[in-house]
Amino acid sequence: MPKMKSNRAAKKRFRVTGKGKVLREHAYASHKFTSKSQDRKRKLRKAGQVSSADMPKLKRMIQI
């Protein structure tokens, strides 16, 4: 049986920490900053953690 290919789109959007958690970037962080508060913009800079429900599917996609 051939090797499984990783999903290249997922590989570019998610990264894995040393402990195996999957991190993602926040949505709504690319433009229209005048309507967003400074606090909200600061929170959008940090990476978020992927939901535990999506974890098995994502790990299969990025081949961990």
Protein backbone atom coordinates (compact mmCIF):
# COMPACT_ATOMS: atom_id res chain seq x y z
CA MET A 1 0.00 0.00 0.00
CA PRO A 2 1.37 3.48 -0.84
CA LYS A 3 2.28 6.08 1.75
CA MET A 4 -0.41 8.46 2.96
CA LYS A 5 0.01 12.02 1.74
CA SER A 6 -0.36 14.89 4.18
CA ASN A 7 -2.84 17.63 3.38
CA ARG A 8 -0.59 20.51 2.25
CA ALA A 9 -3.21 23.18 2.98
CA ALA A 10 -3.56 21.96 6.58
CA LYS A 11 0.22 21.70 6.94
CA LYS A 12 0.53 25.43 6.17
CA ARG A 13 -2.26 26.52 8.54
CA PHE A 14 -1.55 24.47 11.67
CA ARG A 15 1.54 23.73 13.73
CA VAL A 16 2.21 21.19 16.43
CA THR A 17 3.77 21.98 19.80
CA GLY A 18 6.28 19.76 21.56
CA LYS A 19 3.53 18.21 23.68
CA GLY A 20 1.42 17.37 20.63
CA LYS A 21 -1.13 20.19 20.83
CA VAL A 22 -2.21 21.70 17.51
CA LEU A 23 -2.18 25.50 17.21
CA ARG A 24 -4.07 27.70 14.76
CA GLU A 25 -4.21 31.39 13.90
CA HIS A 26 -7.28 33.44 14.81
CA ALA A 27 -9.86 34.56 12.27
CA TYR A 28 -10.69 38.28 11.76
CA ALA A 29 -7.06 39.34 12.19
CA SER A 30 -6.19 40.59 8.70
CA HIS A 31 -7.98 43.91 8.08
CA LYS A 32 -10.57 46.45 9.30
CA PHE A 33 -8.71 47.19 12.51
CA THR A 34 -10.33 50.60 13.09
CA SER A 35 -13.54 48.97 14.35
CA LYS A 36 -11.72 46.56 16.71
CA SER A 37 -10.55 47.49 20.20
CA GLN A 38 -6.86 47.41 21.12
CA ASP A 39 -7.55 44.57 23.57
CA ARG A 40 -9.27 42.48 20.90
CA LYS A 41 -6.46 43.09 18.38
CA ARG A 42 -3.84 42.05 20.95
CA LYS A 43 -5.70 38.80 21.68
CA LEU A 44 -5.93 38.01 17.95
CA ARG A 45 -2.12 38.10 17.65
CA LYS A 46 -1.61 34.99 19.78
CA ALA A 47 -2.20 31.55 18.33
CA GLY A 48 -5.26 29.63 19.49
CA GLN A 49 -5.54 25.96 20.29
CA VAL A 50 -7.54 23.60 18.10
CA SER A 51 -10.67 22.07 19.64
CA SER A 52 -10.24 18.57 21.06
CA ALA A 53 -13.11 17.38 18.83
CA ASP A 54 -11.16 18.35 15.70
CA MET A 55 -7.82 16.99 16.92
CA PRO A 56 -7.95 13.40 15.55
CA LYS A 57 -9.05 14.56 12.10
CA LEU A 58 -6.35 17.26 11.97
CA LYS A 59 -3.57 14.96 13.16
CA ARG A 60 -4.45 12.58 10.34
CA MET A 61 -4.35 15.46 7.84
CA ILE A 62 -0.93 16.72 8.90
CA GLN A 63 0.49 13.22 9.47
CA ILE A 64 1.73 13.27 13.05
